[in-house]
Amino acid sequence: MPSIAMIVEGPGDISAFPTLVAKTGAMFGMDLFANKPIKAGGYHRLALPGQVERFVEMAAGREGIDSVMIAVDLDDGCPRDAADSLRRRAESVSQLFGKPIKLSFCVREYESWILHDLANLKAFAAEYNWDANYVCNSPEQKRGAKEAVEKAIQRKYKEISDQQALTKKLNLKTVYVASRSYRKFCKEVTGLSYGQMAAFM
């Protein structure tokens, strides 16, 4: 089973991303495993001098891992430009360990992917007090996805528990169709091309 050492942003991501990685792999007939991601803060922290290199060294030095993946929110800016800069720096370290680098941004927040699947979650995560009439258009076009989830569930959104709980209930095929940034995540984490992935949809 391919093991991925993940570098993520916050406490909710530590529990949610292993679930997302496993579910994404299963969607494409693959067994993928990400255990105990490393919390590094957001993109702007990783972009500081020496920071992404430090965290990649921590991840790549773990025993039994096959690759390193950086997956953080990109609240602002161009995903391509940010990825090119961060990937070059990360690869300068990962190559020393012989581990490939995978990199993906949640545009604009991880919760944007949750918002893409509201119809399904209202039906299959009934333990939440969903506002039946709430609709969120274009979740990745603006910041405030966490606040939008709070409006949908009509209470405070708790990242540490709710992020993973909602990830478990996501219909990832719906998210894949709706979200360009999630499709990029799938491509990075599986190593498949867009054409190869399309055959599973």
C-alpha atoms as a PDB file:
ATOM      1  CA  MET A   1       0.000   0.000   0.000  1.00  0.00           C
ATOM      2  CA  PRO A   2       1.640   3.291  -1.088  1.00  0.00           C
ATOM      3  CA  SER A   3       2.325   5.466   1.958  1.00  0.00           C
ATOM      4  CA  ILE A   4       2.241   9.251   1.631  1.00  0.00           C
ATOM      5  CA  ALA A   5       3.817  11.614   4.166  1.00  0.00           C
ATOM      6  CA  MET A   6       1.534  14.634   4.103  1.00  0.00           C
ATOM      7  CA  ILE A   7       2.270  18.241   5.018  1.00  0.00           C
ATOM      8  CA  VAL A   8      -0.988  20.009   5.832  1.00  0.00           C
ATOM      9  CA  GLU A   9      -2.223  23.278   7.278  1.00  0.00           C
ATOM     10  CA  GLY A  10      -4.239  22.930  10.485  1.00  0.00           C
ATOM     11  CA  PRO A  11      -5.530  20.567  13.168  1.00  0.00           C
ATOM     12  CA  GLY A  12      -8.666  19.581  11.245  1.00  0.00           C
ATOM     13  CA  ASP A  13      -6.558  18.619   8.246  1.00  0.00           C
ATOM     14  CA  ILE A  14      -4.544  16.151  10.309  1.00  0.00           C
ATOM     15  CA  SER A  15      -7.574  13.890  10.704  1.00  0.00           C
ATOM     16  CA  ALA A  16      -9.457  14.779   7.504  1.00  0.00           C
ATOM     17  CA  PHE A  17      -6.745  14.288   4.894  1.00  0.00           C
ATOM     18  CA  PRO A  18      -5.967  10.626   5.687  1.00  0.00           C
ATOM     19  CA  THR A  19      -9.690   9.941   5.238  1.00  0.00           C
ATOM     20  CA  LEU A  20      -9.780  11.931   2.000  1.00  0.00           C
ATOM     21  CA  VAL A  21      -6.676  10.205   0.640  1.00  0.00           C
ATOM     22  CA  ALA A  22      -8.063   6.732   1.366  1.00  0.00           C
ATOM     23  CA  LYS A  23     -11.473   7.577  -0.148  1.00  0.00           C
ATOM     24  CA  THR A  24      -9.881   9.168  -3.199  1.00  0.00           C
ATOM     25  CA  GLY A  25      -7.705   6.130  -3.763  1.00  0.00           C
ATOM     26  CA  ALA A  26     -10.708   3.812  -3.441  1.00  0.00           C
ATOM     27  CA  MET A  27     -12.586   5.856  -6.043  1.00  0.00           C
ATOM     28  CA  PHE A  28      -9.842   5.000  -8.520  1.00  0.00           C
ATOM     29  CA  GLY A  29      -9.338   1.408  -7.403  1.00  0.00           C
ATOM     30  CA  MET A  30      -6.159   2.169  -5.449  1.00  0.00           C
ATOM     31  CA  ASP A  31      -5.087   1.586  -1.850  1.00  0.00           C
ATOM     32  CA  LEU A  32      -3.527   4.829  -0.602  1.00  0.00           C
ATOM     33  CA  PHE A  33      -2.408   5.541   2.929  1.00  0.00           C
ATOM     34  CA  ALA A  34      -1.473   8.783   4.699  1.00  0.00           C
ATOM     35  CA  ASN A  35      -0.728   8.428   8.400  1.00  0.00           C
ATOM     36  CA  LYS A  36      -0.200  11.269  10.893  1.00  0.00           C
ATOM     37  CA  PRO A  37       0.185  14.290   8.601  1.00  0.00           C
ATOM     38  CA  ILE A  38       2.564  17.024   9.678  1.00  0.00           C
ATOM     39  CA  LYS A  39       0.910  20.339  10.600  1.00  0.00           C
ATOM     40  CA  ALA A  40       2.909  23.147   9.010  1.00  0.00           C
ATOM     41  CA  GLY A  41       0.544  26.110   8.824  1.00  0.00           C
ATOM     42  CA  GLY A  42      -0.691  27.624   5.604  1.00  0.00           C
ATOM     43  CA  TYR A  43       0.855  28.462   2.265  1.00  0.00           C
ATOM     44  CA  HIS A  44       2.183  31.816   3.421  1.00  0.00           C
ATOM     45  CA  ARG A  45       4.133  30.166   6.227  1.00  0.00           C
ATOM     46  CA  LEU A  46       5.558  27.508   3.918  1.00  0.00           C
ATOM     47  CA  ALA A  47       6.568  30.237   1.467  1.00  0.00           C
ATOM     48  CA  LEU A  48       8.842  31.876   4.056  1.00  0.00           C
ATOM     49  CA  PRO A  49      12.584  31.297   3.554  1.00  0.00           C
ATOM     50  CA  GLY A  50      13.600  27.814   4.658  1.00  0.00           C
ATOM     51  CA  GLN A  51      10.154  26.683   5.824  1.00  0.00           C
ATOM     52  CA  VAL A  52       8.973  24.365   3.057  1.00  0.00           C
ATOM     53  CA  GLU A  53      12.471  22.852   2.959  1.00  0.00           C
ATOM     54  CA  ARG A  54      12.334  22.164   6.699  1.00  0.00           C
ATOM     55  CA  PHE A  55       8.958  20.441   6.576  1.00  0.00           C
ATOM     56  CA  VAL A  56       9.808  18.413   3.478  1.00  0.00           C
ATOM     57  CA  GLU A  57      12.935  17.155   5.212  1.00  0.00           C
ATOM     58  CA  MET A  58      10.839  16.095   8.205  1.00  0.00           C
ATOM     59  CA  ALA A  59       8.356  14.268   5.972  1.00  0.00           C
ATOM     60  CA  ALA A  60      10.812  12.684   3.555  1.00  0.00           C
ATOM     61  CA  GLY A  61      12.929  11.374   6.409  1.00  0.00           C
ATOM     62  CA  ARG A  62      10.134   9.222   7.795  1.00  0.00           C
ATOM     63  CA  GLU A  63      10.595   5.469   7.513  1.00  0.00           C
ATOM     64  CA  GLY A  64       8.458   3.501   5.075  1.00  0.00           C
ATOM     65  CA  ILE A  65       7.071   6.395   3.049  1.00  0.00           C
ATOM     66  CA  ASP A  66       6.896   6.391  -0.746  1.00  0.00           C
ATOM     67  CA  SER A  67       6.236  10.078  -1.441  1.00  0.00           C
ATOM     68  CA  VAL A  68       5.690  13.462   0.170  1.00  0.00           C
ATOM     69  CA  MET A  69       2.557  15.523  -0.450  1.00  0.00           C
ATOM     70  CA  ILE A  70       1.939  19.157   0.416  1.00  0.00           C
ATOM     71  CA  ALA A  71      -1.781  19.969   0.644  1.00  0.00           C
ATOM     72  CA  VAL A  72      -2.754  23.357   2.063  1.00  0.00           C
ATOM     73  CA  ASP A  73      -5.341  26.066   1.483  1.00  0.00           C
ATOM     74  CA  LEU A  74      -4.619  28.795  -1.044  1.00  0.00           C
ATOM     75  CA  ASP A  75      -6.753  31.664   0.177  1.00  0.00           C
ATOM     76  CA  ASP A  76      -5.478  34.120  -2.424  1.00  0.00           C
ATOM     77  CA  GLY A  77      -3.279  34.165  -5.490  1.00  0.00           C
ATOM     78  CA  CYS A  78      -2.746  32.004  -8.556  1.00  0.00           C
ATOM     79  CA  PRO A  79      -2.483  28.239  -7.867  1.00  0.00           C
ATOM     80  CA  ARG A  80      -0.098  27.663 -10.778  1.00  0.00           C
ATOM     81  CA  ASP A  81       2.360  30.377  -9.775  1.00  0.00           C
ATOM     82  CA  ALA A  82       2.280  29.356  -6.118  1.00  0.00           C
ATOM     83  CA  ALA A  83       2.736  25.684  -6.993  1.00  0.00           C
ATOM     84  CA  ASP A  84       5.665  26.281  -9.337  1.00  0.00           C
ATOM     85  CA  SER A  85       7.601  28.221  -6.708  1.00  0.00           C
ATOM     86  CA  LEU A  86       6.863  25.863  -3.828  1.00  0.00           C
ATOM     87  CA  ARG A  87       7.473  22.710  -5.877  1.00  0.00           C
ATOM     88  CA  ARG A  88      10.939  23.823  -6.999  1.00  0.00           C
ATOM     89  CA  ARG A  89      12.000  24.458  -3.434  1.00  0.00           C
ATOM     90  CA  ALA A  90      10.410  21.248  -2.107  1.00  0.00           C
ATOM     91  CA  GLU A  91      12.032  19.109  -4.798  1.00  0.00           C
ATOM     92  CA  SER A  92      15.474  20.452  -3.928  1.00  0.00           C
ATOM     93  CA  VAL A  93      15.113  18.633  -0.590  1.00  0.00           C
ATOM     94  CA  SER A  94      12.971  15.628  -1.503  1.00  0.00           C
ATOM     95  CA  GLN A  95      15.423  14.560  -4.215  1.00  0.00           C
ATOM     96  CA  LEU A  96      18.082  14.106  -1.546  1.00  0.00           C
ATOM     97  CA  PHE A  97      15.857  11.399  -0.025  1.00  0.00           C
ATOM     98  CA  GLY A  98      14.775   9.907  -3.352  1.00  0.00           C
ATOM     99  CA  LYS A  99      11.120  10.740  -2.637  1.00  0.00           C
ATOM    100  CA  PRO A 100       8.834  12.371  -5.216  1.00  0.00           C
ATOM    101  CA  ILE A 101       6.914  15.512  -4.269  1.00  0.00           C
ATOM    102  CA  LYS A 102       3.167  15.840  -4.768  1.00  0.00           C
ATOM    103  CA  LEU A 103       1.579  19.271  -4.326  1.00  0.00           C
ATOM    104  CA  SER A 104      -2.033  20.398  -4.324  1.00  0.00           C
ATOM    105  CA  PHE A 105      -3.930  23.432  -3.098  1.00  0.00           C
ATOM    106  CA  CYS A 106      -7.452  23.611  -1.705  1.00  0.00           C
ATOM    107  CA  VAL A 107      -8.885  26.628  -3.531  1.00  0.00           C
ATOM    108  CA  ARG A 108      -9.787  28.613  -1.501  1.00  0.00           C
ATOM    109  CA  GLU A 109     -10.231  26.353   1.544  1.00  0.00           C
ATOM    110  CA  TYR A 110     -10.678  22.627   2.222  1.00  0.00           C
ATOM    111  CA  GLU A 111     -14.275  23.393   3.145  1.00  0.00           C
ATOM    112  CA  SER A 112     -14.894  24.554  -0.432  1.00  0.00           C
ATOM    113  CA  TRP A 113     -14.795  20.873  -1.399  1.00  0.00           C
ATOM    114  CA  ILE A 114     -17.420  20.144   1.274  1.00  0.00           C
ATOM    115  CA  LEU A 115     -19.654  22.897  -0.097  1.00  0.00           C
ATOM    116  CA  HIS A 116     -19.577  21.328  -3.562  1.00  0.00           C
ATOM    117  CA  ASP A 117     -21.448  18.317  -2.145  1.00  0.00           C
ATOM    118  CA  LEU A 118     -24.159  20.011  -0.094  1.00  0.00           C
ATOM    119  CA  ALA A 119     -27.079  18.166  -1.688  1.00  0.00           C
ATOM    120  CA  ASN A 120     -25.582  14.788  -0.830  1.00  0.00           C
ATOM    121  CA  LEU A 121     -24.532  15.819   2.672  1.00  0.00           C
ATOM    122  CA  LYS A 122     -28.002  17.126   3.494  1.00  0.00           C
ATOM    123  CA  ALA A 123     -29.327  13.653   2.705  1.00  0.00           C
ATOM    124  CA  PHE A 124     -26.594  11.422   4.118  1.00  0.00           C
ATOM    125  CA  ALA A 125     -25.200  13.433   7.023  1.00  0.00           C
ATOM    126  CA  ALA A 126     -28.574  13.850   8.684  1.00  0.00           C
ATOM    127  CA  GLU A 127     -26.974  14.241  12.120  1.00  0.00           C
ATOM    128  CA  TYR A 128     -26.263  17.838  11.119  1.00  0.00           C
ATOM    129  CA  ASN A 129     -28.986  20.445  11.336  1.00  0.00           C
ATOM    130  CA  TRP A 130     -28.844  21.438   7.678  1.00  0.00           C
ATOM    131  CA  ASP A 131     -30.653  24.474   6.375  1.00  0.00           C
ATOM    132  CA  ALA A 132     -32.667  22.792   3.626  1.00  0.00           C
ATOM    133  CA  ASN A 133     -32.816  26.025   1.621  1.00  0.00           C
ATOM    134  CA  TYR A 134     -29.154  26.995   1.896  1.00  0.00           C
ATOM    135  CA  VAL A 135     -27.256  27.111  -1.411  1.00  0.00           C
ATOM    136  CA  CYS A 136     -23.626  28.115  -1.929  1.00  0.00           C
ATOM    137  CA  ASN A 137     -22.774  29.129  -5.478  1.00  0.00           C
ATOM    138  CA  SER A 138     -19.165  28.931  -6.729  1.00  0.00           C
ATOM    139  CA  PRO A 139     -17.535  27.844  -3.438  1.00  0.00           C
ATOM    140  CA  GLU A 140     -13.998  28.310  -4.790  1.00  0.00           C
ATOM    141  CA  GLN A 141     -14.496  31.843  -6.067  1.00  0.00           C
ATOM    142  CA  LYS A 142     -14.346  33.588  -2.700  1.00  0.00           C
ATOM    143  CA  ARG A 143     -12.991  33.177   0.794  1.00  0.00           C
ATOM    144  CA  GLY A 144     -15.140  32.254   3.751  1.00  0.00           C
ATOM    145  CA  ALA A 145     -15.910  28.594   3.074  1.00  0.00           C
ATOM    146  CA  LYS A 146     -15.831  27.731   6.772  1.00  0.00           C
ATOM    147  CA  GLU A 147     -18.356  30.452   7.482  1.00  0.00           C
ATOM    148  CA  ALA A 148     -20.503  29.174   4.624  1.00  0.00           C
ATOM    149  CA  VAL A 149     -20.499  25.681   6.151  1.00  0.00           C
ATOM    150  CA  GLU A 150     -21.612  27.224   9.444  1.00  0.00           C
ATOM    151  CA  LYS A 151     -24.566  28.834   7.680  1.00  0.00           C
ATOM    152  CA  ALA A 152     -25.438  25.480   6.134  1.00  0.00           C
ATOM    153  CA  ILE A 153     -25.303  23.524   9.394  1.00  0.00           C
ATOM    154  CA  GLN A 154     -26.734  26.413  11.438  1.00  0.00           C
ATOM    155  CA  ARG A 155     -24.142  26.184  14.186  1.00  0.00           C
ATOM    156  CA  LYS A 156     -20.439  26.680  14.904  1.00  0.00           C
ATOM    157  CA  TYR A 157     -18.223  24.625  12.584  1.00  0.00           C
ATOM    158  CA  LYS A 158     -15.616  22.690  14.571  1.00  0.00           C
ATOM    159  CA  GLU A 159     -12.689  21.857  12.323  1.00  0.00           C
ATOM    160  CA  ILE A 160     -11.172  19.160  14.513  1.00  0.00           C
ATOM    161  CA  SER A 161     -14.336  17.028  14.501  1.00  0.00           C
ATOM    162  CA  ASP A 162     -16.570  18.279  11.682  1.00  0.00           C
ATOM    163  CA  GLN A 163     -13.976  18.344   8.912  1.00  0.00           C
ATOM    164  CA  GLN A 164     -13.299  14.627   9.141  1.00  0.00           C
ATOM    165  CA  ALA A 165     -16.935  13.704   9.863  1.00  0.00           C
ATOM    166  CA  LEU A 166     -18.143  15.498   6.740  1.00  0.00           C
ATOM    167  CA  THR A 167     -15.255  14.134   4.665  1.00  0.00           C
ATOM    168  CA  LYS A 168     -16.381  10.612   5.523  1.00  0.00           C
ATOM    169  CA  LYS A 169     -19.807  11.367   4.026  1.00  0.00           C
ATOM    170  CA  LEU A 170     -18.638  13.160   0.872  1.00  0.00           C
ATOM    171  CA  ASN A 171     -19.656  11.847  -2.535  1.00  0.00           C
ATOM    172  CA  LEU A 172     -16.267  12.401  -4.124  1.00  0.00           C
ATOM    173  CA  LYS A 173     -17.486  11.887  -7.674  1.00  0.00           C
ATOM    174  CA  THR A 174     -19.711  14.932  -7.230  1.00  0.00           C
ATOM    175  CA  VAL A 175     -16.776  16.923  -5.874  1.00  0.00           C
ATOM    176  CA  TYR A 176     -14.544  15.691  -8.708  1.00  0.00           C
ATOM    177  CA  VAL A 177     -16.964  16.936 -11.368  1.00  0.00           C
ATOM    178  CA  ALA A 178     -17.541  20.284  -9.655  1.00  0.00           C
ATOM    179  CA  SER A 179     -14.082  21.225  -8.399  1.00  0.00           C
ATOM    180  CA  ARG A 180     -11.026  21.843 -10.542  1.00  0.00           C
ATOM    181  CA  SER A 181      -8.766  21.988  -7.488  1.00  0.00           C
ATOM    182  CA  TYR A 182     -10.035  18.615  -6.216  1.00  0.00           C
ATOM    183  CA  ARG A 183      -9.386  17.086  -9.650  1.00  0.00           C
ATOM    184  CA  LYS A 184      -5.822  18.396  -9.354  1.00  0.00           C
ATOM    185  CA  PHE A 185      -5.591  16.819  -5.901  1.00  0.00           C
ATOM    186  CA  CYS A 186      -6.739  13.491  -7.370  1.00  0.00           C
ATOM    187  CA  LYS A 187      -4.149  13.702 -10.133  1.00  0.00           C
ATOM    188  CA  GLU A 188      -1.354  14.401  -7.677  1.00  0.00           C
ATOM    189  CA  VAL A 189      -2.287  11.833  -5.049  1.00  0.00           C
ATOM    190  CA  THR A 190      -2.971   8.972  -7.493  1.00  0.00           C
ATOM    191  CA  GLY A 191      -0.374   9.712 -10.168  1.00  0.00           C
ATOM    192  CA  LEU A 192      -3.023   9.134 -12.853  1.00  0.00           C
ATOM    193  CA  SER A 193      -3.572  11.440 -15.811  1.00  0.00           C
ATOM    194  CA  TYR A 194      -6.842  13.313 -16.260  1.00  0.00           C
ATOM    195  CA  GLY A 195      -7.683  10.955 -19.113  1.00  0.00           C
ATOM    196  CA  GLN A 196      -7.089   7.894 -16.958  1.00  0.00           C
ATOM    197  CA  MET A 197      -9.186   9.309 -14.140  1.00  0.00           C
ATOM    198  CA  ALA A 198     -12.057  10.173 -16.455  1.00  0.00           C
ATOM    199  CA  ALA A 199     -12.570   6.472 -17.123  1.00  0.00           C
ATOM    200  CA  PHE A 200     -13.646   6.025 -13.479  1.00  0.00           C
ATOM    201  CA  MET A 201     -16.255   8.767 -13.533  1.00  0.00           C
END
